PDB file of all heavy atoms in Angstrom:
ATOM      1  N   ALA A   1     -97.625-128.440-105.927  1.00  0.00           N
ATOM      2  CA  ALA A   1     -96.730-127.817-106.902  1.00  0.00           C
ATOM      3  C   ALA A   1     -95.292-127.809-106.398  1.00  0.00           C
ATOM      4  O   ALA A   1     -94.344-128.075-107.168  1.00  0.00           O
ATOM      5  CB  ALA A   1     -97.201-126.390-107.195  1.00  0.00           C
ATOM      6  N   MET A   2     -95.103-127.508-105.120  1.00  0.00           N
ATOM      7  CA  MET A   2     -93.748-127.510-104.550  1.00  0.00           C
ATOM      8  C   MET A   2     -93.123-128.897-104.665  1.00  0.00           C
ATOM      9  O   MET A   2     -91.976-129.041-105.102  1.00  0.00           O
ATOM     10  CB  MET A   2     -93.816-127.089-103.074  1.00  0.00           C
ATOM     11  CG  MET A   2     -94.268-125.674-102.822  1.00  0.00           C
ATOM     12  SD  MET A   2     -92.937-124.462-102.892  1.00  0.00           S
ATOM     13  CE  MET A   2     -92.076-124.784-101.348  1.00  0.00           C
ATOM     14  N   ALA A   3     -93.887-129.917-104.279  1.00  0.00           N
ATOM     15  CA  ALA A   3     -93.355-131.278-104.317  1.00  0.00           C
ATOM     16  C   ALA A   3     -93.071-131.736-105.741  1.00  0.00           C
ATOM     17  O   ALA A   3     -92.056-132.391-106.003  1.00  0.00           O
ATOM     18  CB  ALA A   3     -94.342-132.231-103.638  1.00  0.00           C
ATOM     19  N   GLN A   4     -93.947-131.391-106.678  1.00  0.00           N
ATOM     20  CA  GLN A   4     -93.709-131.773-108.060  1.00  0.00           C
ATOM     21  C   GLN A   4     -92.519-131.046-108.655  1.00  0.00           C
ATOM     22  O   GLN A   4     -91.755-131.634-109.446  1.00  0.00           O
ATOM     23  CB  GLN A   4     -94.972-131.506-108.886  1.00  0.00           C
ATOM     24  CG  GLN A   4     -96.117-132.447-108.561  1.00  0.00           C
ATOM     25  CD  GLN A   4     -97.349-132.161-109.398  1.00  0.00           C
ATOM     26  OE1 GLN A   4     -97.453-131.124-110.038  1.00  0.00           O
ATOM     27  NE2 GLN A   4     -98.295-133.083-109.374  1.00  0.00           N
ATOM     28  N   GLY A   5     -92.318-129.795-108.293  1.00  0.00           N
ATOM     29  CA  GLY A   5     -91.134-129.078-108.745  1.00  0.00           C
ATOM     30  C   GLY A   5     -89.864-129.773-108.303  1.00  0.00           C
ATOM     31  O   GLY A   5     -88.892-129.859-109.058  1.00  0.00           O
ATOM     32  N   ALA A   6     -89.885-130.306-107.077  1.00  0.00           N
ATOM     33  CA  ALA A   6     -88.711-131.014-106.564  1.00  0.00           C
ATOM     34  C   ALA A   6     -88.478-132.312-107.335  1.00  0.00           C
ATOM     35  O   ALA A   6     -87.337-132.636-107.697  1.00  0.00           O
ATOM     36  CB  ALA A   6     -88.902-131.307-105.076  1.00  0.00           C
ATOM     37  N   THR A   7     -89.547-133.078-107.593  1.00  0.00           N
ATOM     38  CA  THR A   7     -89.398-134.337-108.340  1.00  0.00           C
ATOM     39  C   THR A   7     -88.880-134.066-109.751  1.00  0.00           C
ATOM     40  O   THR A   7     -87.985-134.770-110.241  1.00  0.00           O
ATOM     41  CB  THR A   7     -90.735-135.086-108.407  1.00  0.00           C
ATOM     42  OG1 THR A   7     -91.135-135.455-107.079  1.00  0.00           O
ATOM     43  CG2 THR A   7     -90.616-136.343-109.259  1.00  0.00           C
ATOM     44  N   ALA A   8     -89.454-133.067-110.418  1.00  0.00           N
ATOM     45  CA  ALA A   8     -89.008-132.733-111.775  1.00  0.00           C
ATOM     46  C   ALA A   8     -87.533-132.366-111.774  1.00  0.00           C
ATOM     47  O   ALA A   8     -86.762-132.778-112.660  1.00  0.00           O
ATOM     48  CB  ALA A   8     -89.845-131.597-112.346  1.00  0.00           C
ATOM     49  N   ALA A   9     -87.101-131.590-110.796  1.00  0.00           N
ATOM     50  CA  ALA A   9     -85.694-131.182-110.721  1.00  0.00           C
ATOM     51  C   ALA A   9     -84.783-132.401-110.587  1.00  0.00           C
ATOM     52  O   ALA A   9     -83.751-132.501-111.270  1.00  0.00           O
ATOM     53  CB  ALA A   9     -85.485-130.229-109.547  1.00  0.00           C
ATOM     54  N   ARG A  10     -85.131-133.315-109.715  1.00  0.00           N
ATOM     55  CA  ARG A  10     -84.296-134.511-109.510  1.00  0.00           C
ATOM     56  C   ARG A  10     -84.250-135.361-110.780  1.00  0.00           C
ATOM     57  O   ARG A  10     -83.200-135.924-111.121  1.00  0.00           O
ATOM     58  CB  ARG A  10     -84.821-135.310-108.325  1.00  0.00           C
ATOM     59  CG  ARG A  10     -84.673-134.572-106.998  1.00  0.00           C
ATOM     60  CD  ARG A  10     -85.038-135.412-105.800  1.00  0.00           C
ATOM     61  NE  ARG A  10     -84.829-134.656-104.577  1.00  0.00           N
ATOM     62  CZ  ARG A  10     -85.806-134.104-103.859  1.00  0.00           C
ATOM     63  NH1 ARG A  10     -87.074-134.241-104.245  1.00  0.00           N
ATOM     64  NH2 ARG A  10     -85.533-133.408-102.771  1.00  0.00           N
ATOM     65  N   ASN A  11     -85.365-135.450-111.496  1.00  0.00           N
ATOM     66  CA  ASN A  11     -85.374-136.230-112.714  1.00  0.00           C
ATOM     67  C   ASN A  11     -84.608-135.547-113.836  1.00  0.00           C
ATOM     68  O   ASN A  11     -84.047-136.210-114.716  1.00  0.00           O
ATOM     69  CB  ASN A  11     -86.809-136.555-113.132  1.00  0.00           C
ATOM     70  CG  ASN A  11     -87.400-137.651-112.262  1.00  0.00           C
ATOM     71  OD1 ASN A  11     -86.683-138.493-111.727  1.00  0.00           O
ATOM     72  ND2 ASN A  11     -88.710-137.625-112.082  1.00  0.00           N
ATOM     73  N   MET A  12     -84.564-134.221-113.819  1.00  0.00           N
ATOM     74  CA  MET A  12     -83.699-133.517-114.772  1.00  0.00           C
ATOM     75  C   MET A  12     -82.236-133.888-114.572  1.00  0.00           C
ATOM     76  O   MET A  12     -81.431-133.874-115.510  1.00  0.00           O
ATOM     77  CB  MET A  12     -83.868-132.006-114.616  1.00  0.00           C
ATOM     78  CG  MET A  12     -85.167-131.453-115.176  1.00  0.00           C
ATOM     79  SD  MET A  12     -85.253-129.663-114.868  1.00  0.00           S
ATOM     80  CE  MET A  12     -86.764-129.259-115.745  1.00  0.00           C
ATOM     81  N   LEU A  13     -81.915-134.230-113.328  1.00  0.00           N
ATOM     82  CA  LEU A  13     -80.536-134.596-112.999  1.00  0.00           C
ATOM     83  C   LEU A  13     -80.290-136.092-113.133  1.00  0.00           C
ATOM     84  O   LEU A  13     -79.217-136.584-112.744  1.00  0.00           O
ATOM     85  CB  LEU A  13     -80.202-134.128-111.574  1.00  0.00           C
ATOM     86  CG  LEU A  13     -80.314-132.625-111.332  1.00  0.00           C
ATOM     87  CD1 LEU A  13     -79.943-132.284-109.890  1.00  0.00           C
ATOM     88  CD2 LEU A  13     -79.448-131.853-112.300  1.00  0.00           C
ATOM     89  N   GLY A  14     -81.281-136.838-113.657  1.00  0.00           N
ATOM     90  CA  GLY A  14     -81.084-138.242-113.926  1.00  0.00           C
ATOM     91  C   GLY A  14     -81.560-139.204-112.879  1.00  0.00           C
ATOM     92  O   GLY A  14     -81.263-140.406-112.947  1.00  0.00           O
ATOM     93  N   ALA A  15     -82.319-138.743-111.881  1.00  0.00           N
ATOM     94  CA  ALA A  15     -82.765-139.636-110.808  1.00  0.00           C
ATOM     95  C   ALA A  15     -83.711-140.717-111.331  1.00  0.00           C
ATOM     96  O   ALA A  15     -83.719-141.836-110.825  1.00  0.00           O
ATOM     97  CB  ALA A  15     -83.458-138.835-109.713  1.00  0.00           C
ATOM     98  N   ASP A  16     -84.544-140.378-112.312  1.00  0.00           N
ATOM     99  CA  ASP A  16     -85.486-141.323-112.906  1.00  0.00           C
ATOM    100  C   ASP A  16     -86.380-141.968-111.849  1.00  0.00           C
ATOM    101  O   ASP A  16     -86.499-143.187-111.761  1.00  0.00           O
ATOM    102  CB  ASP A  16     -84.736-142.397-113.696  1.00  0.00           C
ATOM    103  CG  ASP A  16     -85.678-143.199-114.602  1.00  0.00           C
ATOM    104  OD1 ASP A  16     -86.653-142.624-115.112  1.00  0.00           O
ATOM    105  OD2 ASP A  16     -85.440-144.418-114.762  1.00  0.00           O
ATOM    106  N   VAL A  17     -87.036-141.119-111.044  1.00  0.00           N
ATOM    107  CA  VAL A  17     -87.918-141.612-109.979  1.00  0.00           C
ATOM    108  C   VAL A  17     -89.343-141.144-110.228  1.00  0.00           C
ATOM    109  O   VAL A  17     -89.582-140.044-110.732  1.00  0.00           O
ATOM    110  CB  VAL A  17     -87.455-141.117-108.589  1.00  0.00           C
ATOM    111  CG1 VAL A  17     -86.111-141.711-108.232  1.00  0.00           C
ATOM    112  CG2 VAL A  17     -87.372-139.585-108.535  1.00  0.00           C
ATOM    113  N   ALA A  18     -90.303-142.008-109.888  1.00  0.00           N
ATOM    114  CA  ALA A  18     -91.704-141.640-109.995  1.00  0.00           C
ATOM    115  C   ALA A  18     -92.064-140.635-108.906  1.00  0.00           C
ATOM    116  O   ALA A  18     -91.487-140.657-107.811  1.00  0.00           O
ATOM    117  CB  ALA A  18     -92.594-142.875-109.874  1.00  0.00           C
ATOM    118  N   HIS A  19     -93.022-139.760-109.209  1.00  0.00           N
ATOM    119  CA  HIS A  19     -93.497-138.822-108.189  1.00  0.00           C
ATOM    120  C   HIS A  19     -94.439-139.592-107.266  1.00  0.00           C
ATOM    121  O   HIS A  19     -95.588-139.888-107.630  1.00  0.00           O
ATOM    122  CB  HIS A  19     -94.222-137.653-108.840  1.00  0.00           C
ATOM    123  CG  HIS A  19     -94.673-136.620-107.860  1.00  0.00           C
ATOM    124  ND1 HIS A  19     -93.799-135.834-107.149  1.00  0.00           N
ATOM    125  CD2 HIS A  19     -95.922-136.266-107.440  1.00  0.00           C
ATOM    126  CE1 HIS A  19     -94.469-135.024-106.345  1.00  0.00           C
ATOM    127  NE2 HIS A  19     -95.754-135.269-106.501  1.00  0.00           N
ATOM    128  N   ASP A  20     -93.968-139.941-106.074  1.00  0.00           N
ATOM    129  CA  ASP A  20     -94.724-140.785-105.166  1.00  0.00           C
ATOM    130  C   ASP A  20     -95.090-140.080-103.873  1.00  0.00           C
ATOM    131  O   ASP A  20     -95.374-140.727-102.858  1.00  0.00           O
ATOM    132  CB  ASP A  20     -93.954-142.067-104.856  1.00  0.00           C
ATOM    133  CG  ASP A  20     -92.601-141.804-104.197  1.00  0.00           C
ATOM    134  OD1 ASP A  20     -92.237-140.622-104.016  1.00  0.00           O
ATOM    135  OD2 ASP A  20     -91.916-142.781-103.854  1.00  0.00           O
ATOM    136  N   VAL A  21     -95.085-138.754-103.889  1.00  0.00           N
ATOM    137  CA  VAL A  21     -95.429-137.979-102.694  1.00  0.00           C
ATOM    138  C   VAL A  21     -96.953-137.967-102.531  1.00  0.00           C
ATOM    139  O   VAL A  21     -97.675-137.619-103.453  1.00  0.00           O
ATOM    140  CB  VAL A  21     -94.906-136.533-102.806  1.00  0.00           C
ATOM    141  CG1 VAL A  21     -95.294-135.727-101.566  1.00  0.00           C
ATOM    142  CG2 VAL A  21     -93.396-136.524-102.999  1.00  0.00           C
ATOM    143  N   VAL A  22     -97.426-138.368-101.358  1.00  0.00           N
ATOM    144  CA  VAL A  22     -98.855-138.277-101.069  1.00  0.00           C
ATOM    145  C   VAL A  22     -99.219-136.804-100.922  1.00  0.00           C
ATOM    146  O   VAL A  22     -98.661-136.111-100.076  1.00  0.00           O
ATOM    147  CB  VAL A  22     -99.214-139.043 -99.780  1.00  0.00           C
ATOM    148  CG1 VAL A  22    -100.690-138.865 -99.452  1.00  0.00           C
ATOM    149  CG2 VAL A  22     -98.875-140.530 -99.929  1.00  0.00           C
ATOM    150  N   PRO A  23    -100.135-136.299-101.749  1.00  0.00           N
ATOM    151  CA  PRO A  23    -100.440-134.864-101.716  1.00  0.00           C
ATOM    152  C   PRO A  23    -100.942-134.393-100.350  1.00  0.00           C
ATOM    153  O   PRO A  23    -101.723-135.077 -99.685  1.00  0.00           O
ATOM    154  CB  PRO A  23    -101.541-134.720-102.777  1.00  0.00           C
ATOM    155  CG  PRO A  23    -101.271-135.836-103.735  1.00  0.00           C
ATOM    156  CD  PRO A  23    -100.817-136.983-102.866  1.00  0.00           C
ATOM    157  N   TYR A  24    -100.463-133.217 -99.971  1.00  0.00           N
ATOM    158  CA  TYR A  24    -100.827-132.582 -98.704  1.00  0.00           C
ATOM    159  C   TYR A  24    -101.478-131.245 -98.997  1.00  0.00           C
ATOM    160  O   TYR A  24    -101.030-130.507 -99.880  1.00  0.00           O
ATOM    161  CB  TYR A  24     -99.583-132.384 -97.844  1.00  0.00           C
ATOM    162  CG  TYR A  24     -99.775-131.504 -96.633  1.00  0.00           C
ATOM    163  CD1 TYR A  24    -100.305-132.012 -95.447  1.00  0.00           C
ATOM    164  CD2 TYR A  24     -99.431-130.159 -96.670  1.00  0.00           C
ATOM    165  CE1 TYR A  24    -100.480-131.208 -94.334  1.00  0.00           C
ATOM    166  CE2 TYR A  24     -99.594-129.342 -95.563  1.00  0.00           C
ATOM    167  CZ  TYR A  24    -100.124-129.873 -94.391  1.00  0.00           C
ATOM    168  OH  TYR A  24    -100.306-129.051 -93.301  1.00  0.00           O
ATOM    169  N   PHE A  25    -102.536-130.940 -98.274  1.00  0.00           N
ATOM    170  CA  PHE A  25    -103.248-129.689 -98.445  1.00  0.00           C
ATOM    171  C   PHE A  25    -103.423-129.041 -97.072  1.00  0.00           C
ATOM    172  O   PHE A  25    -103.533-129.738 -96.060  1.00  0.00           O
ATOM    173  CB  PHE A  25    -104.657-129.929 -99.028  1.00  0.00           C
ATOM    174  CG  PHE A  25    -104.683-130.765-100.261  1.00  0.00           C
ATOM    175  CD1 PHE A  25    -104.599-132.142-100.190  1.00  0.00           C
ATOM    176  CD2 PHE A  25    -104.809-130.177-101.514  1.00  0.00           C
ATOM    177  CE1 PHE A  25    -104.626-132.924-101.333  1.00  0.00           C
ATOM    178  CE2 PHE A  25    -104.845-130.960-102.663  1.00  0.00           C
ATOM    179  CZ  PHE A  25    -104.750-132.329-102.571  1.00  0.00           C
ATOM    180  N   PHE A  26    -103.445-127.730 -97.037  1.00  0.00           N
ATOM    181  CA  PHE A  26    -103.756-127.060 -95.779  1.00  0.00           C
ATOM    182  C   PHE A  26    -104.600-125.833 -96.040  1.00  0.00           C
ATOM    183  O   PHE A  26    -104.600-125.256 -97.129  1.00  0.00           O
ATOM    184  CB  PHE A  26    -102.476-126.662 -95.031  1.00  0.00           C
ATOM    185  CG  PHE A  26    -101.799-125.446 -95.612  1.00  0.00           C
ATOM    186  CD1 PHE A  26    -102.080-124.176 -95.122  1.00  0.00           C
ATOM    187  CD2 PHE A  26    -100.889-125.567 -96.646  1.00  0.00           C
ATOM    188  CE1 PHE A  26    -101.475-123.050 -95.669  1.00  0.00           C
ATOM    189  CE2 PHE A  26    -100.290-124.451 -97.189  1.00  0.00           C
ATOM    190  CZ  PHE A  26    -100.573-123.190 -96.696  1.00  0.00           C
TER     191      PHE A  26
END
């Protein structure tokens, strides 16, 4: 969720990048 929030924020600003973060769990 943290990583996706970051990707969504950048795309709101026009980055137009795919969410390519390999999910991490702990």
